[in-house]
PDB file of N, CA and C in Angstrom:
ATOM      1  N   UNK A   1      14.490  14.166  15.535  1.00  0.00           N
ATOM      2  CA  UNK A   1      15.094  12.860  15.394  1.00  0.00           C
ATOM      3  C   UNK A   1      14.400  11.827  16.279  1.00  0.00           C
ATOM      4  N   UNK A   2      13.877  12.260  17.397  1.00  0.00           N
ATOM      5  CA  UNK A   2      13.179  11.312  18.269  1.00  0.00           C
ATOM      6  C   UNK A   2      11.855  10.865  17.642  1.00  0.00           C
ATOM      7  N   UNK A   3      11.246  11.746  16.826  1.00  0.00           N
ATOM      8  CA  UNK A   3      10.007  11.355  16.166  1.00  0.00           C
ATOM      9  C   UNK A   3      10.266  10.214  15.186  1.00  0.00           C
ATOM     10  N   UNK A   4      11.379  10.278  14.475  1.00  0.00           N
ATOM     11  CA  UNK A   4      11.712   9.226  13.514  1.00  0.00           C
ATOM     12  C   UNK A   4      11.982   7.911  14.234  1.00  0.00           C
ATOM     13  N   UNK A   5      12.656   7.975  15.364  1.00  0.00           N
ATOM     14  CA  UNK A   5      12.918   6.748  16.133  1.00  0.00           C
ATOM     15  C   UNK A   5      11.642   6.128  16.660  1.00  0.00           C
ATOM     16  N   UNK A   6      10.687   6.959  17.033  1.00  0.00           N
ATOM     17  CA  UNK A   6       9.434   6.438  17.578  1.00  0.00           C
ATOM     18  C   UNK A   6       8.449   5.969  16.518  1.00  0.00           C
ATOM     19  N   UNK A   7       8.557   6.492  15.318  1.00  0.00           N
ATOM     20  CA  UNK A   7       7.577   6.204  14.270  1.00  0.00           C
ATOM     21  C   UNK A   7       8.218   5.646  13.006  1.00  0.00           C
ATOM     22  N   UNK A   8       9.263   4.893  13.138  1.00  0.00           N
ATOM     23  CA  UNK A   8       9.962   4.395  11.949  1.00  0.00           C
ATOM     24  C   UNK A   8       9.134   3.381  11.179  1.00  0.00           C
ATOM     25  N   UNK A   9       8.270   2.637  11.855  1.00  0.00           N
ATOM     26  CA  UNK A   9       7.432   1.664  11.152  1.00  0.00           C
ATOM     27  C   UNK A   9       6.388   2.369  10.283  1.00  0.00           C
ATOM     28  N   UNK A  10       5.801   3.430  10.832  1.00  0.00           N
ATOM     29  CA  UNK A  10       4.833   4.224  10.085  1.00  0.00           C
ATOM     30  C   UNK A  10       5.509   4.859   8.877  1.00  0.00           C
ATOM     31  N   UNK A  11       6.687   5.386   9.083  1.00  0.00           N
ATOM     32  CA  UNK A  11       7.450   6.017   8.010  1.00  0.00           C
ATOM     33  C   UNK A  11       7.838   5.000   6.932  1.00  0.00           C
ATOM     34  N   UNK A  12       8.229   3.796   7.344  1.00  0.00           N
ATOM     35  CA  UNK A  12       8.597   2.751   6.392  1.00  0.00           C
ATOM     36  C   UNK A  12       7.386   2.301   5.570  1.00  0.00           C
ATOM     37  N   UNK A  13       6.235   2.132   6.211  1.00  0.00           N
ATOM     38  CA  UNK A  13       5.020   1.722   5.493  1.00  0.00           C
ATOM     39  C   UNK A  13       4.626   2.764   4.458  1.00  0.00           C
ATOM     40  N   UNK A  14       4.570   4.020   4.866  1.00  0.00           N
ATOM     41  CA  UNK A  14       4.170   5.075   3.943  1.00  0.00           C
ATOM     42  C   UNK A  14       5.214   5.304   2.860  1.00  0.00           C
ATOM     43  N   UNK A  15       6.475   5.187   3.196  1.00  0.00           N
ATOM     44  CA  UNK A  15       7.525   5.340   2.193  1.00  0.00           C
ATOM     45  C   UNK A  15       7.469   4.238   1.150  1.00  0.00           C
ATOM     46  N   UNK A  16       7.276   3.008   1.594  1.00  0.00           N
ATOM     47  CA  UNK A  16       7.175   1.884   0.669  1.00  0.00           C
ATOM     48  C   UNK A  16       5.955   2.034  -0.243  1.00  0.00           C
ATOM     49  N   UNK A  17       4.817   2.401   0.325  1.00  0.00           N
ATOM     50  CA  UNK A  17       3.608   2.565  -0.485  1.00  0.00           C
ATOM     51  C   UNK A  17       3.762   3.712  -1.472  1.00  0.00           C
ATOM     52  N   UNK A  18       4.432   4.769  -1.074  1.00  0.00           N
ATOM     53  CA  UNK A  18       4.653   5.891  -1.979  1.00  0.00           C
ATOM     54  C   UNK A  18       5.574   5.506  -3.131  1.00  0.00           C
ATOM     55  N   UNK A  19       6.594   4.713  -2.836  1.00  0.00           N
ATOM     56  CA  UNK A  19       7.492   4.231  -3.891  1.00  0.00           C
ATOM     57  C   UNK A  19       6.751   3.308  -4.851  1.00  0.00           C
ATOM     58  N   UNK A  20       5.901   2.441  -4.334  1.00  0.00           N
ATOM     59  CA  UNK A  20       5.124   1.530  -5.183  1.00  0.00           C
ATOM     60  C   UNK A  20       4.169   2.322  -6.077  1.00  0.00           C
ATOM     61  N   UNK A  21       3.492   3.322  -5.504  1.00  0.00           N
ATOM     62  CA  UNK A  21       2.567   4.135  -6.303  1.00  0.00           C
ATOM     63  C   UNK A  21       3.311   4.903  -7.387  1.00  0.00           C
ATOM     64  N   UNK A  22       4.463   5.460  -7.051  1.00  0.00           N
ATOM     65  CA  UNK A  22       5.257   6.181  -8.051  1.00  0.00           C
ATOM     66  C   UNK A  22       5.734   5.235  -9.149  1.00  0.00           C
ATOM     67  N   UNK A  23       6.119   4.020  -8.779  1.00  0.00           N
ATOM     68  CA  UNK A  23       6.557   3.044  -9.772  1.00  0.00           C
ATOM     69  C   UNK A  23       5.406   2.642 -10.695  1.00  0.00           C
ATOM     70  N   UNK A  24       4.223   2.453 -10.137  1.00  0.00           N
ATOM     71  CA  UNK A  24       3.062   2.114 -10.966  1.00  0.00           C
ATOM     72  C   UNK A  24       2.746   3.228 -11.949  1.00  0.00           C
ATOM     73  N   UNK A  25       2.806   4.460 -11.473  1.00  0.00           N
ATOM     74  CA  UNK A  25       2.541   5.585 -12.367  1.00  0.00           C
ATOM     75  C   UNK A  25       3.620   5.696 -13.439  1.00  0.00           C
ATOM     76  N   UNK A  26       4.870   5.466 -13.063  1.00  0.00           N
ATOM     77  CA  UNK A  26       5.963   5.529 -14.028  1.00  0.00           C
ATOM     78  C   UNK A  26       5.813   4.437 -15.089  1.00  0.00           C
ATOM     79  N   UNK A  27       5.457   3.238 -14.682  1.00  0.00           N
ATOM     80  CA  UNK A  27       5.262   2.148 -15.638  1.00  0.00           C
ATOM     81  C   UNK A  27       4.104   2.444 -16.581  1.00  0.00           C
ATOM     82  N   UNK A  28       3.064   3.059 -16.066  1.00  0.00           N
ATOM     83  CA  UNK A  28       1.912   3.388 -16.888  1.00  0.00           C
ATOM     84  C   UNK A  28       2.280   4.418 -17.949  1.00  0.00           C
ATOM     85  N   UNK A  29       3.116   5.360 -17.577  1.00  0.00           N
ATOM     86  CA  UNK A  29       3.506   6.418 -18.517  1.00  0.00           C
ATOM     87  C   UNK A  29       4.465   5.891 -19.576  1.00  0.00           C
ATOM     88  N   UNK A  30       5.410   5.046 -19.188  1.00  0.00           N
ATOM     89  CA  UNK A  30       6.490   4.673 -20.101  1.00  0.00           C
ATOM     90  C   UNK A  30       6.263   3.395 -20.903  1.00  0.00           C
ATOM     91  N   UNK A  31       5.343   2.537 -20.509  1.00  0.00           N
ATOM     92  CA  UNK A  31       5.151   1.256 -21.191  1.00  0.00           C
ATOM     93  C   UNK A  31       4.317   1.447 -22.454  1.00  0.00           C
ATOM     94  N   UNK A  32       4.750   0.820 -23.546  1.00  0.00           N
ATOM     95  CA  UNK A  32       3.955   0.813 -24.771  1.00  0.00           C
ATOM     96  C   UNK A  32       2.793  -0.157 -24.598  1.00  0.00           C
ATOM     97  N   UNK A  33       1.644   0.247 -25.029  1.00  0.00           N
ATOM     98  CA  UNK A  33       0.456  -0.585 -24.904  1.00  0.00           C
ATOM     99  C   UNK A  33       0.332  -1.474 -26.136  1.00  0.00           C
ATOM    100  N   UNK A  34       0.780  -2.719 -26.044  1.00  0.00           N
ATOM    101  CA  UNK A  34       0.650  -3.658 -27.148  1.00  0.00           C
ATOM    102  C   UNK A  34      -0.767  -4.199 -27.248  1.00  0.00           C
ATOM    103  N   UNK A  35      -1.373  -4.437 -26.120  1.00  0.00           N
ATOM    104  CA  UNK A  35      -2.714  -4.999 -26.081  1.00  0.00           C
ATOM    105  C   UNK A  35      -3.644  -3.967 -25.451  1.00  0.00           C
ATOM    106  N   UNK A  36      -4.594  -3.443 -26.188  1.00  0.00           N
ATOM    107  CA  UNK A  36      -5.467  -2.417 -25.603  1.00  0.00           C
ATOM    108  C   UNK A  36      -6.397  -2.966 -24.524  1.00  0.00           C
ATOM    109  N   UNK A  37      -6.588  -4.283 -24.464  1.00  0.00           N
ATOM    110  CA  UNK A  37      -7.443  -4.862 -23.433  1.00  0.00           C
ATOM    111  C   UNK A  37      -6.718  -5.076 -22.109  1.00  0.00           C
ATOM    112  N   UNK A  38      -5.388  -4.972 -22.115  1.00  0.00           N
ATOM    113  CA  UNK A  38      -4.594  -5.187 -20.903  1.00  0.00           C
ATOM    114  C   UNK A  38      -4.134  -3.838 -20.391  1.00  0.00           C
ATOM    115  N   UNK A  39      -4.522  -3.508 -19.205  1.00  0.00           N
ATOM    116  CA  UNK A  39      -4.132  -2.236 -18.610  1.00  0.00           C
ATOM    117  C   UNK A  39      -3.217  -2.517 -17.428  1.00  0.00           C
ATOM    118  N   UNK A  40      -1.967  -2.123 -17.552  1.00  0.00           N
ATOM    119  CA  UNK A  40      -0.967  -2.398 -16.522  1.00  0.00           C
ATOM    120  C   UNK A  40      -1.336  -1.768 -15.188  1.00  0.00           C
ATOM    121  N   UNK A  41      -1.804  -0.533 -15.213  1.00  0.00           N
ATOM    122  CA  UNK A  41      -2.149   0.158 -13.975  1.00  0.00           C
ATOM    123  C   UNK A  41      -3.318  -0.536 -13.270  1.00  0.00           C
ATOM    124  N   UNK A  42      -4.285  -1.003 -14.038  1.00  0.00           N
ATOM    125  CA  UNK A  42      -5.448  -1.672 -13.458  1.00  0.00           C
ATOM    126  C   UNK A  42      -5.053  -2.957 -12.741  1.00  0.00           C
ATOM    127  N   UNK A  43      -4.242  -3.777 -13.381  1.00  0.00           N
ATOM    128  CA  UNK A  43      -3.855  -5.061 -12.806  1.00  0.00           C
ATOM    129  C   UNK A  43      -2.935  -4.856 -11.600  1.00  0.00           C
ATOM    130  N   UNK A  44      -1.886  -4.076 -11.776  1.00  0.00           N
ATOM    131  CA  UNK A  44      -0.897  -3.903 -10.707  1.00  0.00           C
ATOM    132  C   UNK A  44      -1.471  -3.166  -9.510  1.00  0.00           C
ATOM    133  N   UNK A  45      -2.247  -2.122  -9.764  1.00  0.00           N
ATOM    134  CA  UNK A  45      -2.810  -1.359  -8.654  1.00  0.00           C
ATOM    135  C   UNK A  45      -3.837  -2.184  -7.883  1.00  0.00           C
ATOM    136  N   UNK A  46      -4.581  -3.020  -8.581  1.00  0.00           N
ATOM    137  CA  UNK A  46      -5.538  -3.893  -7.903  1.00  0.00           C
ATOM    138  C   UNK A  46      -4.855  -4.895  -6.994  1.00  0.00           C
ATOM    139  N   UNK A  47      -3.731  -5.438  -7.472  1.00  0.00           N
ATOM    140  CA  UNK A  47      -2.978  -6.379  -6.631  1.00  0.00           C
ATOM    141  C   UNK A  47      -2.438  -5.689  -5.386  1.00  0.00           C
ATOM    142  N   UNK A  48      -1.917  -4.466  -5.546  1.00  0.00           N
ATOM    143  CA  UNK A  48      -1.400  -3.749  -4.382  1.00  0.00           C
ATOM    144  C   UNK A  48      -2.517  -3.328  -3.433  1.00  0.00           C
ATOM    145  N   UNK A  49      -3.705  -3.057  -3.962  1.00  0.00           N
ATOM    146  CA  UNK A  49      -4.842  -2.728  -3.097  1.00  0.00           C
ATOM    147  C   UNK A  49      -5.207  -3.921  -2.218  1.00  0.00           C
ATOM    148  N   UNK A  50      -5.205  -5.109  -2.805  1.00  0.00           N
ATOM    149  CA  UNK A  50      -5.520  -6.312  -2.032  1.00  0.00           C
ATOM    150  C   UNK A  50      -4.438  -6.581  -0.997  1.00  0.00           C
ATOM    151  N   UNK A  51      -3.173  -6.388  -1.376  1.00  0.00           N
ATOM    152  CA  UNK A  51      -2.075  -6.598  -0.418  1.00  0.00           C
ATOM    153  C   UNK A  51      -2.179  -5.642   0.762  1.00  0.00           C
ATOM    154  N   UNK A  52      -2.466  -4.362   0.492  1.00  0.00           N
ATOM    155  CA  UNK A  52      -2.585  -3.388   1.582  1.00  0.00           C
ATOM    156  C   UNK A  52      -3.813  -3.678   2.447  1.00  0.00           C
ATOM    157  N   UNK A  53      -4.894  -4.136   1.818  1.00  0.00           N
ATOM    158  CA  UNK A  53      -6.089  -4.483   2.585  1.00  0.00           C
ATOM    159  C   UNK A  53      -5.818  -5.666   3.506  1.00  0.00           C
ATOM    160  N   UNK A  54      -5.132  -6.677   2.999  1.00  0.00           N
ATOM    161  CA  UNK A  54      -4.790  -7.821   3.849  1.00  0.00           C
ATOM    162  C   UNK A  54      -3.844  -7.416   4.976  1.00  0.00           C
ATOM    163  N   UNK A  55      -2.911  -6.520   4.682  1.00  0.00           N
ATOM    164  CA  UNK A  55      -2.019  -6.012   5.721  1.00  0.00           C
ATOM    165  C   UNK A  55      -2.812  -5.264   6.784  1.00  0.00           C
ATOM    166  N   UNK A  56      -3.766  -4.458   6.335  1.00  0.00           N
ATOM    167  CA  UNK A  56      -4.609  -3.707   7.265  1.00  0.00           C
ATOM    168  C   UNK A  56      -5.439  -4.647   8.142  1.00  0.00           C
ATOM    169  N   UNK A  57      -5.989  -5.688   7.532  1.00  0.00           N
ATOM    170  CA  UNK A  57      -6.831  -6.612   8.293  1.00  0.00           C
ATOM    171  C   UNK A  57      -6.034  -7.536   9.204  1.00  0.00           C
ATOM    172  N   UNK A  58      -4.742  -7.677   8.962  1.00  0.00           N
ATOM    173  CA  UNK A  58      -3.929  -8.541   9.813  1.00  0.00           C
ATOM    174  C   UNK A  58      -3.410  -7.831  11.057  1.00  0.00           C
ATOM    175  N   UNK A  59      -3.642  -6.541  11.193  1.00  0.00           N
ATOM    176  CA  UNK A  59      -3.104  -5.785  12.331  1.00  0.00           C
ATOM    177  C   UNK A  59      -3.734  -6.189  13.664  1.00  0.00           C
ATOM    178  N   UNK A  60      -5.041  -6.378  13.687  1.00  0.00           N
ATOM    179  CA  UNK A  60      -5.702  -6.743  14.945  1.00  0.00           C
ATOM    180  C   UNK A  60      -5.293  -8.135  15.434  1.00  0.00           C
ATOM    181  N   UNK A  61      -5.232  -9.157  14.575  1.00  0.00           N
ATOM    182  CA  UNK A  61      -4.736 -10.448  15.067  1.00  0.00           C
ATOM    183  C   UNK A  61      -3.293 -10.396  15.545  1.00  0.00           C
ATOM    184  N   UNK A  62      -2.458  -9.571  14.910  1.00  0.00           N
ATOM    185  CA  UNK A  62      -1.080  -9.426  15.386  1.00  0.00           C
ATOM    186  C   UNK A  62      -1.049  -8.831  16.785  1.00  0.00           C
ATOM    187  N   UNK A  63      -1.945  -7.884  17.039  1.00  0.00           N
ATOM    188  CA  UNK A  63      -2.018  -7.291  18.365  1.00  0.00           C
ATOM    189  C   UNK A  63      -2.585  -8.287  19.375  1.00  0.00           C
ATOM    190  N   UNK A  64      -3.626  -9.008  18.982  1.00  0.00           N
ATOM    191  CA  UNK A  64      -4.291  -9.925  19.906  1.00  0.00           C
ATOM    192  C   UNK A  64      -3.440 -11.152  20.229  1.00  0.00           C
ATOM    193  N   UNK A  65      -2.896 -11.767  19.203  1.00  0.00           N
ATOM    194  CA  UNK A  65      -2.182 -13.031  19.406  1.00  0.00           C
ATOM    195  C   UNK A  65      -0.739 -12.833  19.873  1.00  0.00           C
ATOM    196  N   UNK A  66      -0.057 -11.855  19.303  1.00  0.00           N
ATOM    197  CA  UNK A  66       1.359 -11.684  19.607  1.00  0.00           C
ATOM    198  C   UNK A  66       1.663 -10.510  20.524  1.00  0.00           C
ATOM    199  N   UNK A  67       0.666  -9.670  20.765  1.00  0.00           N
ATOM    200  CA  UNK A  67       0.876  -8.527  21.644  1.00  0.00           C
ATOM    201  C   UNK A  67       1.661  -7.394  21.011  1.00  0.00           C
ATOM    202  N   UNK A  68       1.635  -7.306  19.691  1.00  0.00           N
ATOM    203  CA  UNK A  68       2.348  -6.233  18.996  1.00  0.00           C
ATOM    204  C   UNK A  68       1.462  -4.996  18.937  1.00  0.00           C
ATOM    205  N   UNK A  69       1.586  -4.143  19.935  1.00  0.00           N
ATOM    206  CA  UNK A  69       0.735  -2.955  20.013  1.00  0.00           C
ATOM    207  C   UNK A  69       1.052  -1.945  18.922  1.00  0.00           C
ATOM    208  N   UNK A  70       2.257  -1.981  18.384  1.00  0.00           N
ATOM    209  CA  UNK A  70       2.624  -1.049  17.312  1.00  0.00           C
ATOM    210  C   UNK A  70       1.867  -1.347  16.026  1.00  0.00           C
ATOM    211  N   UNK A  71       1.366  -2.573  15.889  1.00  0.00           N
ATOM    212  CA  UNK A  71       0.661  -2.947  14.663  1.00  0.00           C
ATOM    213  C   UNK A  71      -0.659  -2.195  14.521  1.00  0.00           C
ATOM    214  N   UNK A  72      -1.307  -1.864  15.634  1.00  0.00           N
ATOM    215  CA  UNK A  72      -2.586  -1.166  15.581  1.00  0.00           C
ATOM    216  C   UNK A  72      -2.403   0.244  15.015  1.00  0.00           C
ATOM    217  N   UNK A  73      -1.258   0.859  15.271  1.00  0.00           N
ATOM    218  CA  UNK A  73      -1.001   2.202  14.757  1.00  0.00           C
ATOM    219  C   UNK A  73      -0.842   2.212  13.236  1.00  0.00           C
ATOM    220  N   UNK A  74      -0.524   1.082  12.642  1.00  0.00           N
ATOM    221  CA  UNK A  74      -0.331   1.009  11.199  1.00  0.00           C
ATOM    222  C   UNK A  74      -1.598   0.608  10.447  1.00  0.00           C
ATOM    223  N   UNK A  75      -2.660   0.322  11.187  1.00  0.00           N
ATOM    224  CA  UNK A  75      -3.896  -0.127  10.551  1.00  0.00           C
ATOM    225  C   UNK A  75      -4.521   0.967   9.683  1.00  0.00           C
ATOM    226  N   UNK A  76      -4.569   2.184  10.188  1.00  0.00           N
ATOM    227  CA  UNK A  76      -5.193   3.272   9.436  1.00  0.00           C
ATOM    228  C   UNK A  76      -4.416   3.635   8.173  1.00  0.00           C
ATOM    229  N   UNK A  77      -3.082   3.846   8.242  1.00  0.00           N
ATOM    230  CA  UNK A  77      -2.383   4.154   6.990  1.00  0.00           C
ATOM    231  C   UNK A  77      -2.433   3.023   5.971  1.00  0.00           C
ATOM    232  N   UNK A  78      -2.398   1.775   6.427  1.00  0.00           N
ATOM    233  CA  UNK A  78      -2.483   0.649   5.482  1.00  0.00           C
ATOM    234  C   UNK A  78      -3.852   0.623   4.808  1.00  0.00           C
ATOM    235  N   UNK A  79      -4.899   0.910   5.547  1.00  0.00           N
ATOM    236  CA  UNK A  79      -6.238   0.966   4.966  1.00  0.00           C
ATOM    237  C   UNK A  79      -6.402   2.117   3.996  1.00  0.00           C
ATOM    238  N   UNK A  80      -5.805   3.257   4.309  1.00  0.00           N
ATOM    239  CA  UNK A  80      -5.874   4.390   3.395  1.00  0.00           C
ATOM    240  C   UNK A  80      -5.096   4.127   2.107  1.00  0.00           C
ATOM    241  N   UNK A  81      -3.956   3.440   2.213  1.00  0.00           N
ATOM    242  CA  UNK A  81      -3.211   3.088   1.010  1.00  0.00           C
ATOM    243  C   UNK A  81      -3.978   2.059   0.187  1.00  0.00           C
ATOM    244  N   UNK A  82      -4.671   1.133   0.845  1.00  0.00           N
ATOM    245  CA  UNK A  82      -5.499   0.173   0.108  1.00  0.00           C
ATOM    246  C   UNK A  82      -6.584   0.915  -0.666  1.00  0.00           C
ATOM    247  N   UNK A  83      -7.194   1.892  -0.034  1.00  0.00           N
ATOM    248  CA  UNK A  83      -8.213   2.700  -0.714  1.00  0.00           C
ATOM    249  C   UNK A  83      -7.596   3.485  -1.869  1.00  0.00           C
ATOM    250  N   UNK A  84      -6.412   4.032  -1.660  1.00  0.00           N
ATOM    251  CA  UNK A  84      -5.752   4.789  -2.711  1.00  0.00           C
ATOM    252  C   UNK A  84      -5.412   3.938  -3.912  1.00  0.00           C
ATOM    253  N   UNK A  85      -4.884   2.735  -3.668  1.00  0.00           N
ATOM    254  CA  UNK A  85      -4.574   1.838  -4.781  1.00  0.00           C
ATOM    255  C   UNK A  85      -5.849   1.374  -5.482  1.00  0.00           C
ATOM    256  N   UNK A  86      -6.911   1.160  -4.707  1.00  0.00           N
ATOM    257  CA  UNK A  86      -8.177   0.749  -5.325  1.00  0.00           C
ATOM    258  C   UNK A  86      -8.762   1.871  -6.182  1.00  0.00           C
ATOM    259  N   UNK A  87      -8.624   3.109  -5.753  1.00  0.00           N
ATOM    260  CA  UNK A  87      -9.103   4.237  -6.547  1.00  0.00           C
ATOM    261  C   UNK A  87      -8.246   4.459  -7.781  1.00  0.00           C
ATOM    262  N   UNK A  88      -6.978   4.088  -7.708  1.00  0.00           N
ATOM    263  CA  UNK A  88      -6.110   4.230  -8.880  1.00  0.00           C
ATOM    264  C   UNK A  88      -6.509   3.248  -9.979  1.00  0.00           C
ATOM    265  N   UNK A  89      -7.181   2.168  -9.607  1.00  0.00           N
ATOM    266  CA  UNK A  89      -7.621   1.218 -10.622  1.00  0.00           C
ATOM    267  C   UNK A  89      -8.814   1.743 -11.393  1.00  0.00           C
ATOM    268  N   UNK A  90      -9.530   2.684 -10.806  1.00  0.00           N
ATOM    269  CA  UNK A  90     -10.758   3.162 -11.447  1.00  0.00           C
ATOM    270  C   UNK A  90     -10.573   4.507 -12.131  1.00  0.00           C
ATOM    271  N   UNK A  91      -9.335   4.892 -12.388  1.00  0.00           N
ATOM    272  CA  UNK A  91      -9.100   6.197 -13.012  1.00  0.00           C
ATOM    273  C   UNK A  91      -9.859   6.255 -14.282  1.00  0.00           C
TER     274      UNK A  91
END
């Protein structure tokens, strides 16, 4: 229980990204493709990749300007999720 109290931000980031990835996969499976040129997974996953990348890149300024040392610990998982979402666009 002490691990959860100490790492709740890391757990929240990874939990949110996992829910978003599961939702993207669910939408891809269940949505009818009316337009073959429009790929829902490609568009949505690309947007989430950019969001995670911007979140990852904002960690150092948050630490430098505001002194939020916990933000540096979230830089690696946010970058890995950005990579994961970017790879999901190229399936």
